[in-house]
Structures are given as structure tokens and as C-alpha cells.
Amino acid sequence: MAIEIVDIQNKVSEKFGELVTNFRMQRDIFCFDAEAIEVHSLIKFLKEDQDLNFHFLTDITAIHYPDNDENYQFALTYQLHNWIENTRIRVKTYLNGNNPKIKSITDLFLCSNWMEREAWDFYGIKFDGHPQLKRILNMDEMVSHPMRKEFPLEDSGRTDKDDRFFGRTPINS
């Protein structure tokens, strides 16, 4: 028997109560928000519960919302898949902008190692308990996290680019 979205919501709500909110469908994926302090327990529950069986971690993604309130400036989304029922879900949690950190899930999903390293590398999100949290794509000497929106998209000091060649013209012309 196929797992129903309402059953997932009921089981998660029963176990975690008000720590999970905002249940919704987005582009045919069932999504909900969770408090960062409970994300590890929640994902463990989703994986180990016999009725839910979300045994596959598809992705962990980070998002920076610099204009949000300080406690909601970073978001992490965990996308999980139940292969047996072919059901996908997305769990979203928000992190503090001054000290974005959350408990690592590398003990639950080994593949999360690289995903968490990528979120650290590009956004500066710390994963407590990660076995080797270091840069994965950028240089080790780098002190910034380039996907944060506090950094400009282009280096304004470059002299080798002429905006006319990129379809942009100066505003005052």
C-alpha cells in the first residue's frame, strides 16, 4: 500500500509536535519546516521508521536570505527519497545569520559528508560532529564563503571586461 502524504504529516506531527510546521506541496514534493535543534532526530526518524522508509538522501542545499530576520538568514533543505514507495520529501530548517550551525547527519547518511562540506565551503554553515569539515571546491586559503550574498557578483576592479561586449551598456550613455 502506497504511503500517503497525510500519513507522513501525521507521523511527523505526532512525534515532533510544534517543532515541525508549514506542511505544504511544492512542485509535487511534500515539504515542511523543522526547528534546527531537531533536524538530526527528525531525519533519523524519517529514515528508521518502518512505515516511512526515507533511506535515500538526495541532496542537502543551503540558501542565504540576508534580508531576513537574524534567526532566519540561512536555510538548509534536506531532500529525502523513499525508493519503495517512490515518494520524495523536503525538510527545510533556518539558521542564525551570525553563527549558522547545525548537527551533522554524517552518522545517518555517509553521502552527506560531501554535501555538508559544500555548504560549509560556500556558505560557512558549520556542521557539529562532522568528521572532516574542510573546503571541498575552493582553495583552503580562502577566508570568505562565496555564495553568501554579501559578496558582489563581479569584481568591480576588473579592467579586462568591457560591459558593451556582454550586452550591457552604461546607464549614463
Protein backbone atom coordinates (compact mmCIF):
# COMPACT_ATOMS: atom_id res chain seq x y z
CA MET A 1 0.00 0.00 0.00
CA ALA A 2 1.40 3.38 -1.03
CA ILE A 3 2.35 5.84 1.65
CA GLU A 4 0.06 8.85 1.76
CA ILE A 5 1.22 12.42 2.36
CA VAL A 6 -1.28 12.79 5.20
CA ASP A 7 0.25 9.73 6.89
CA ILE A 8 3.73 11.28 6.72
CA GLN A 9 2.41 14.54 8.16
CA ASN A 10 0.53 12.75 10.95
CA LYS A 11 3.52 10.61 11.98
CA VAL A 12 5.92 13.54 11.94
CA SER A 13 3.50 15.83 13.80
CA GLU A 14 2.75 13.16 16.39
CA LYS A 15 6.45 12.61 17.10
CA PHE A 16 7.77 16.21 16.90
CA GLY A 17 4.71 18.36 17.59
CA GLU A 18 5.20 22.09 17.13
CA LEU A 19 8.84 21.65 16.10
CA VAL A 20 7.60 20.85 12.58
CA THR A 21 5.39 23.34 10.74
CA ASN A 22 4.32 24.71 7.40
CA PHE A 23 3.32 21.44 5.71
CA ARG A 24 2.77 22.02 2.00
CA MET A 25 3.17 20.65 -1.51
CA GLN A 26 5.70 22.37 -3.77
CA ARG A 27 6.03 21.14 -7.32
CA ASP A 28 4.78 17.66 -6.39
CA ILE A 29 7.16 17.32 -3.42
CA PHE A 30 5.82 17.24 0.12
CA CYS A 31 7.68 19.87 2.18
CA PHE A 32 7.73 21.06 5.75
CA ASP A 33 9.87 23.17 8.07
CA ALA A 34 11.63 21.93 11.19
CA GLU A 35 13.49 23.56 14.05
CA ALA A 36 17.25 23.21 13.58
CA ILE A 37 17.71 21.66 17.01
CA GLU A 38 15.57 18.67 15.99
CA VAL A 39 16.68 18.10 12.40
CA HIS A 40 19.05 15.23 13.24
CA SER A 41 16.37 13.41 15.26
CA LEU A 42 13.77 14.10 12.58
CA ILE A 43 15.89 12.74 9.74
CA LYS A 44 16.80 9.69 11.82
CA PHE A 45 13.07 9.12 12.44
CA LEU A 46 12.24 9.52 8.74
CA LYS A 47 14.94 7.00 7.85
CA GLU A 48 14.32 4.39 10.54
CA ASP A 49 10.54 4.38 10.89
CA GLN A 50 9.22 1.19 9.27
CA ASP A 51 6.28 2.95 7.64
CA LEU A 52 8.23 5.94 6.29
CA ASN A 53 11.48 4.36 4.96
CA PHE A 54 13.21 7.50 3.68
CA HIS A 55 16.50 5.64 3.22
CA PHE A 56 18.00 7.81 0.50
CA LEU A 57 19.38 11.32 0.97
CA THR A 58 19.14 13.02 -2.41
CA ASP A 59 20.60 16.40 -1.51
CA ILE A 60 21.41 19.00 1.11
CA THR A 61 21.21 22.56 -0.13
CA ALA A 62 21.91 25.89 1.53
CA ILE A 63 20.28 29.24 0.85
CA HIS A 64 21.24 32.70 2.10
CA TYR A 65 18.48 35.22 2.87
CA PRO A 66 20.46 38.29 4.01
CA ASP A 67 17.35 40.50 4.31
CA ASN A 68 15.54 38.11 6.69
CA ASP A 69 15.47 38.41 10.46
CA GLU A 70 18.80 37.34 12.02
CA ASN A 71 17.46 33.90 13.05
CA TYR A 72 16.28 33.12 9.51
CA GLN A 73 19.19 34.28 7.36
CA PHE A 74 20.33 30.82 6.30
CA ALA A 75 18.24 27.84 5.30
CA LEU A 76 19.17 24.22 4.76
CA THR A 77 16.98 21.86 2.79
CA TYR A 78 17.27 18.11 3.08
CA GLN A 79 15.70 16.13 0.25
CA LEU A 80 14.90 12.50 1.03
CA HIS A 81 13.50 9.69 -1.07
CA ASN A 82 11.59 6.55 -0.20
CA TRP A 83 12.56 4.19 -3.03
CA ILE A 84 9.98 1.57 -2.11
CA GLU A 85 7.01 3.92 -2.47
CA ASN A 86 8.78 6.35 -4.82
CA THR A 87 7.97 9.26 -2.51
CA ARG A 88 10.10 12.36 -2.06
CA ILE A 89 10.07 14.88 0.76
CA ARG A 90 11.90 18.10 1.57
CA VAL A 91 12.74 19.24 5.09
CA LYS A 92 13.72 22.88 5.48
CA THR A 93 15.31 24.49 8.51
CA TYR A 94 16.52 28.00 9.23
CA LEU A 95 19.78 29.02 10.91
CA ASN A 96 21.08 32.11 12.64
CA GLY A 97 22.95 34.56 10.40
CA ASN A 98 25.71 35.33 12.90
CA ASN A 99 26.54 31.73 13.76
CA PRO A 100 24.98 29.30 11.28
CA LYS A 101 25.46 25.81 12.69
CA ILE A 102 23.58 22.55 12.93
CA LYS A 103 24.28 18.95 13.93
CA SER A 104 25.83 16.83 11.18
CA ILE A 105 23.90 13.87 9.76
CA THR A 106 27.02 12.04 8.55
CA ASP A 107 26.26 9.31 11.12
CA LEU A 108 22.93 8.70 9.34
CA PHE A 109 23.95 9.14 5.70
CA LEU A 110 27.60 8.82 4.67
CA CYS A 111 26.89 10.72 1.45
CA SER A 112 26.05 13.81 3.50
CA ASN A 113 29.79 14.23 4.15
CA TRP A 114 30.42 15.97 0.83
CA MET A 115 27.10 17.80 0.83
CA GLU A 116 27.81 19.31 4.25
CA ARG A 117 31.35 20.20 3.21
CA GLU A 118 29.93 22.03 0.20
CA ALA A 119 27.52 24.01 2.41
CA TRP A 120 30.45 24.88 4.70
CA ASP A 121 32.68 25.84 1.78
CA PHE A 122 30.19 28.11 0.03
CA TYR A 123 28.00 29.41 2.89
CA GLY A 124 30.05 28.97 6.07
CA ILE A 125 27.47 26.74 7.76
CA LYS A 126 29.13 24.68 10.50
CA PHE A 127 28.06 21.07 10.98
CA ASP A 128 28.74 19.94 14.55
CA GLY A 129 30.17 16.43 14.64
CA HIS A 130 31.27 16.39 11.01
CA PRO A 131 34.35 14.14 10.72
CA GLN A 132 36.35 16.41 8.39
CA LEU A 133 34.70 19.78 7.81
CA LYS A 134 37.02 21.50 5.36
CA ARG A 135 36.80 23.14 1.96
CA ILE A 136 35.79 20.87 -0.88
CA LEU A 137 35.87 23.06 -4.02
CA ASN A 138 37.53 26.35 -3.06
CA MET A 139 41.11 26.90 -2.01
CA ASP A 140 41.96 26.15 1.62
CA GLU A 141 43.47 29.65 1.97
CA MET A 142 40.14 31.31 1.20
CA VAL A 143 38.69 33.21 4.17
CA SER A 144 35.26 34.01 2.72
CA HIS A 145 32.28 31.90 1.70
CA PRO A 146 31.47 32.99 -1.87
CA MET A 147 27.77 32.08 -2.10
CA ARG A 148 26.82 34.48 0.66
CA LYS A 149 25.01 37.39 -0.87
CA GLU A 150 27.23 39.90 0.90
CA PHE A 151 29.76 39.42 -1.88
CA PRO A 152 29.32 41.17 -5.26
CA LEU A 153 28.70 39.03 -8.31
CA GLU A 154 31.55 40.64 -10.19
CA ASP A 155 34.84 42.21 -9.23
CA SER A 156 34.34 45.93 -9.79
CA GLY A 157 38.10 46.41 -10.09
CA ARG A 158 38.50 44.33 -13.22
CA THR A 159 39.81 46.23 -16.20
CA ASP A 160 39.77 43.38 -18.70
CA LYS A 161 35.99 43.45 -19.17
CA ASP A 162 34.02 45.89 -21.22
CA ASP A 163 30.28 45.81 -20.47
CA ARG A 164 29.46 46.54 -24.12
CA PHE A 165 30.69 43.05 -25.06
CA PHE A 166 28.25 41.45 -22.62
CA GLY A 167 25.11 43.23 -23.84
CA ARG A 168 25.23 45.83 -21.08
CA THR A 169 25.62 49.49 -21.66
CA PRO A 170 26.46 52.11 -19.07
CA ILE A 171 23.38 53.80 -17.57
CA ASN A 172 24.55 57.33 -18.40
CA SER A 173 25.04 56.70 -22.13
